[in-house]
Amino acid sequence: AAGLAGILKKLGRDGSVDKRRSVIAIDGGLFEHYAKFSKCLEATLIELLGEESSKFVVVKHADDGSGIGAALIAASQSQYRNVE
């Protein structure tokens, strides 16, 4: 939660200035199968960001996050294939 809060603050997406909603997609068995972990993560984010700012941050489970991430990186880098 501390790492996520730090990244959100660095990007200006912690809800303090930019009021757009930020969605954090998490893949993995720990988040998916252990409800206590996900509740603790969300409660700690609320504590770190503040009650009001945390309303703009949503944490969701994402199936096959590593495959989707790999596809996004490949797609973003394919534009540089012919650039020297």
N, C-alpha and C. Protein backbone atom coordinates (compact mmCIF):
# COMPACT_ATOMS: atom_id res chain seq x y z
N ALA A 1 0.83 -1.19 0.00
CA ALA A 1 0.00 0.00 0.00
C ALA A 1 0.87 1.25 0.00
N ALA A 2 1.98 1.21 0.73
CA ALA A 2 2.86 2.37 0.79
C ALA A 2 3.49 2.64 -0.58
N GLY A 3 3.88 1.60 -1.28
CA GLY A 3 4.44 1.77 -2.61
C GLY A 3 3.42 2.33 -3.59
N LEU A 4 2.20 1.81 -3.53
CA LEU A 4 1.14 2.30 -4.41
C LEU A 4 0.82 3.76 -4.11
N ALA A 5 0.73 4.10 -2.84
CA ALA A 5 0.45 5.49 -2.45
C ALA A 5 1.56 6.42 -2.93
N GLY A 6 2.81 5.98 -2.82
CA GLY A 6 3.93 6.78 -3.27
C GLY A 6 3.90 7.03 -4.77
N ILE A 7 3.59 6.00 -5.54
CA ILE A 7 3.50 6.15 -6.99
C ILE A 7 2.36 7.08 -7.36
N LEU A 8 1.21 6.92 -6.72
CA LEU A 8 0.06 7.79 -6.99
C LEU A 8 0.40 9.25 -6.69
N LYS A 9 1.06 9.48 -5.57
CA LYS A 9 1.44 10.85 -5.21
C LYS A 9 2.44 11.42 -6.21
N LYS A 10 3.42 10.63 -6.61
CA LYS A 10 4.43 11.08 -7.58
C LYS A 10 3.79 11.45 -8.91
N LEU A 11 2.78 10.67 -9.33
CA LEU A 11 2.09 10.93 -10.59
C LEU A 11 1.03 12.02 -10.47
N GLY A 12 0.76 12.45 -9.24
CA GLY A 12 -0.29 13.45 -9.03
C GLY A 12 -1.68 12.87 -9.17
N ARG A 13 -1.81 11.55 -9.00
CA ARG A 13 -3.10 10.89 -9.17
C ARG A 13 -3.62 10.34 -7.84
N ASP A 14 -3.23 10.95 -6.74
CA ASP A 14 -3.65 10.48 -5.42
C ASP A 14 -4.97 11.10 -4.97
N GLY A 15 -5.62 11.87 -5.83
CA GLY A 15 -6.91 12.46 -5.49
C GLY A 15 -6.82 13.80 -4.79
N SER A 16 -5.61 14.25 -4.48
CA SER A 16 -5.48 15.53 -3.78
C SER A 16 -5.64 16.73 -4.72
N VAL A 17 -5.16 16.61 -5.95
CA VAL A 17 -5.27 17.69 -6.92
C VAL A 17 -6.13 17.24 -8.10
N ASP A 18 -5.70 16.16 -8.73
CA ASP A 18 -6.41 15.61 -9.88
C ASP A 18 -7.57 14.76 -9.38
N LYS A 19 -8.77 15.18 -9.66
CA LYS A 19 -9.96 14.50 -9.12
C LYS A 19 -10.47 13.38 -10.03
N ARG A 20 -9.68 12.99 -11.03
CA ARG A 20 -10.08 11.84 -11.85
C ARG A 20 -9.84 10.56 -11.08
N ARG A 21 -10.63 9.55 -11.37
CA ARG A 21 -10.49 8.27 -10.68
C ARG A 21 -9.29 7.52 -11.23
N SER A 22 -8.51 6.93 -10.34
CA SER A 22 -7.38 6.08 -10.71
C SER A 22 -7.73 4.65 -10.33
N VAL A 23 -7.52 3.74 -11.26
CA VAL A 23 -7.80 2.32 -11.01
C VAL A 23 -6.48 1.58 -10.99
N ILE A 24 -6.24 0.86 -9.90
CA ILE A 24 -5.05 0.04 -9.75
C ILE A 24 -5.47 -1.40 -9.97
N ALA A 25 -4.93 -2.03 -11.00
CA ALA A 25 -5.26 -3.43 -11.32
C ALA A 25 -4.17 -4.32 -10.74
N ILE A 26 -4.57 -5.29 -9.94
CA ILE A 26 -3.62 -6.18 -9.28
C ILE A 26 -3.92 -7.61 -9.69
N ASP A 27 -2.88 -8.33 -10.10
CA ASP A 27 -3.02 -9.73 -10.47
C ASP A 27 -2.26 -10.56 -9.44
N GLY A 28 -2.81 -11.67 -9.07
CA GLY A 28 -2.10 -12.57 -8.16
C GLY A 28 -3.03 -13.25 -7.18
N GLY A 29 -2.62 -14.43 -6.76
CA GLY A 29 -3.43 -15.24 -5.87
C GLY A 29 -3.63 -14.63 -4.50
N LEU A 30 -2.62 -13.94 -3.98
CA LEU A 30 -2.73 -13.34 -2.66
C LEU A 30 -3.88 -12.34 -2.62
N PHE A 31 -3.94 -11.46 -3.60
CA PHE A 31 -5.01 -10.46 -3.63
C PHE A 31 -6.35 -11.12 -3.97
N GLU A 32 -6.33 -12.10 -4.85
CA GLU A 32 -7.57 -12.72 -5.32
C GLU A 32 -8.21 -13.64 -4.27
N HIS A 33 -7.42 -14.43 -3.58
CA HIS A 33 -7.97 -15.48 -2.72
C HIS A 33 -8.01 -15.15 -1.23
N TYR A 34 -7.29 -14.15 -0.80
CA TYR A 34 -7.27 -13.81 0.62
C TYR A 34 -7.92 -12.44 0.84
N ALA A 35 -9.19 -12.48 1.20
CA ALA A 35 -9.97 -11.25 1.36
C ALA A 35 -9.36 -10.34 2.42
N LYS A 36 -8.75 -10.94 3.45
CA LYS A 36 -8.15 -10.13 4.51
C LYS A 36 -7.01 -9.26 3.96
N PHE A 37 -6.23 -9.81 3.04
CA PHE A 37 -5.14 -9.04 2.45
C PHE A 37 -5.68 -7.85 1.66
N SER A 38 -6.68 -8.09 0.80
CA SER A 38 -7.20 -7.00 -0.02
C SER A 38 -7.86 -5.93 0.84
N LYS A 39 -8.55 -6.33 1.89
CA LYS A 39 -9.18 -5.36 2.80
C LYS A 39 -8.11 -4.55 3.55
N CYS A 40 -7.03 -5.20 3.97
CA CYS A 40 -5.93 -4.52 4.65
C CYS A 40 -5.24 -3.53 3.70
N LEU A 41 -5.04 -3.95 2.45
CA LEU A 41 -4.42 -3.07 1.45
C LEU A 41 -5.28 -1.82 1.24
N GLU A 42 -6.57 -2.01 1.07
CA GLU A 42 -7.47 -0.88 0.84
C GLU A 42 -7.55 0.03 2.07
N ALA A 43 -7.60 -0.56 3.26
CA ALA A 43 -7.66 0.24 4.49
C ALA A 43 -6.38 1.06 4.68
N THR A 44 -5.24 0.47 4.34
CA THR A 44 -3.98 1.18 4.48
C THR A 44 -3.87 2.30 3.46
N LEU A 45 -4.37 2.08 2.24
CA LEU A 45 -4.40 3.15 1.24
C LEU A 45 -5.25 4.32 1.73
N ILE A 46 -6.38 4.03 2.34
CA ILE A 46 -7.24 5.09 2.89
C ILE A 46 -6.49 5.86 3.97
N GLU A 47 -5.79 5.12 4.82
CA GLU A 47 -5.02 5.75 5.90
C GLU A 47 -3.91 6.65 5.35
N LEU A 48 -3.21 6.18 4.30
CA LEU A 48 -2.09 6.93 3.75
C LEU A 48 -2.52 8.12 2.89
N LEU A 49 -3.59 7.94 2.12
CA LEU A 49 -4.04 8.99 1.21
C LEU A 49 -5.02 9.95 1.86
N GLY A 50 -5.70 9.49 2.89
CA GLY A 50 -6.74 10.28 3.52
C GLY A 50 -8.11 9.84 3.02
N GLU A 51 -9.10 10.02 3.85
CA GLU A 51 -10.46 9.56 3.55
C GLU A 51 -10.99 10.18 2.25
N GLU A 52 -10.83 11.49 2.09
CA GLU A 52 -11.39 12.18 0.93
C GLU A 52 -10.66 11.82 -0.36
N SER A 53 -9.33 11.85 -0.34
CA SER A 53 -8.54 11.56 -1.54
C SER A 53 -8.67 10.10 -1.97
N SER A 54 -8.81 9.20 -1.03
CA SER A 54 -8.88 7.77 -1.37
C SER A 54 -10.16 7.42 -2.12
N LYS A 55 -11.15 8.29 -2.12
CA LYS A 55 -12.39 8.04 -2.87
C LYS A 55 -12.13 8.01 -4.37
N PHE A 56 -11.01 8.58 -4.81
CA PHE A 56 -10.69 8.64 -6.23
C PHE A 56 -9.74 7.52 -6.65
N VAL A 57 -9.44 6.60 -5.75
CA VAL A 57 -8.54 5.48 -6.05
C VAL A 57 -9.30 4.18 -5.83
N VAL A 58 -9.28 3.31 -6.85
CA VAL A 58 -9.98 2.04 -6.80
C VAL A 58 -8.97 0.93 -7.05
N VAL A 59 -9.02 -0.13 -6.24
CA VAL A 59 -8.16 -1.29 -6.42
C VAL A 59 -9.02 -2.45 -6.89
N LYS A 60 -8.67 -3.04 -8.03
CA LYS A 60 -9.44 -4.13 -8.63
C LYS A 60 -8.52 -5.29 -8.96
N HIS A 61 -9.09 -6.50 -8.94
CA HIS A 61 -8.35 -7.68 -9.36
C HIS A 61 -8.39 -7.77 -10.88
N ALA A 62 -7.25 -8.07 -11.49
CA ALA A 62 -7.16 -8.20 -12.94
C ALA A 62 -6.67 -9.61 -13.28
N ASP A 63 -7.47 -10.35 -14.01
CA ASP A 63 -7.04 -11.68 -14.45
C ASP A 63 -6.00 -11.55 -15.56
N ASP A 64 -5.00 -12.39 -15.53
CA ASP A 64 -3.94 -12.43 -16.54
C ASP A 64 -3.24 -11.08 -16.70
N GLY A 65 -2.94 -10.45 -15.59
CA GLY A 65 -2.28 -9.14 -15.62
C GLY A 65 -0.92 -9.18 -16.29
N SER A 66 -0.15 -10.24 -16.09
CA SER A 66 1.19 -10.29 -16.69
C SER A 66 1.10 -10.41 -18.21
N GLY A 67 0.15 -11.18 -18.70
CA GLY A 67 -0.03 -11.31 -20.16
C GLY A 67 -0.48 -10.01 -20.78
N ILE A 68 -1.40 -9.32 -20.13
CA ILE A 68 -1.88 -8.04 -20.63
C ILE A 68 -0.76 -7.00 -20.59
N GLY A 69 0.01 -6.99 -19.50
CA GLY A 69 1.13 -6.05 -19.40
C GLY A 69 2.17 -6.29 -20.49
N ALA A 70 2.47 -7.55 -20.76
CA ALA A 70 3.43 -7.88 -21.82
C ALA A 70 2.92 -7.41 -23.18
N ALA A 71 1.63 -7.59 -23.42
CA ALA A 71 1.05 -7.15 -24.69
C ALA A 71 1.11 -5.63 -24.83
N LEU A 72 0.85 -4.91 -23.74
CA LEU A 72 0.90 -3.45 -23.78
C LEU A 72 2.32 -2.95 -24.06
N ILE A 73 3.31 -3.58 -23.43
CA ILE A 73 4.71 -3.17 -23.65
C ILE A 73 5.11 -3.46 -25.09
N ALA A 74 4.72 -4.64 -25.60
CA ALA A 74 5.05 -4.98 -26.99
C ALA A 74 4.40 -4.00 -27.96
N ALA A 75 3.15 -3.65 -27.70
CA ALA A 75 2.45 -2.72 -28.59
C ALA A 75 3.06 -1.33 -28.53
N SER A 76 3.45 -0.89 -27.35
CA SER A 76 4.01 0.45 -27.23
C SER A 76 5.40 0.54 -27.86
N GLN A 77 6.13 -0.55 -27.87
CA GLN A 77 7.48 -0.54 -28.45
C GLN A 77 7.49 -0.84 -29.94
N SER A 78 6.41 -1.37 -30.48
CA SER A 78 6.38 -1.73 -31.90
C SER A 78 6.46 -0.49 -32.78
N GLN A 79 6.07 0.67 -32.26
CA GLN A 79 6.15 1.90 -33.05
C GLN A 79 7.60 2.30 -33.31
N TYR A 80 8.55 1.78 -32.53
CA TYR A 80 9.96 2.14 -32.68
C TYR A 80 10.74 1.12 -33.51
N ARG A 81 10.06 0.14 -34.05
CA ARG A 81 10.71 -0.95 -34.76
C ARG A 81 11.54 -0.45 -35.95
N ASN A 82 11.03 0.52 -36.71
CA ASN A 82 11.72 1.00 -37.90
C ASN A 82 12.49 2.29 -37.69
N VAL A 83 12.58 2.76 -36.44
CA VAL A 83 13.28 3.99 -36.13
C VAL A 83 14.74 3.67 -35.84
N GLU A 84 15.65 4.42 -36.46
CA GLU A 84 17.08 4.18 -36.21
C GLU A 84 17.64 5.24 -35.33
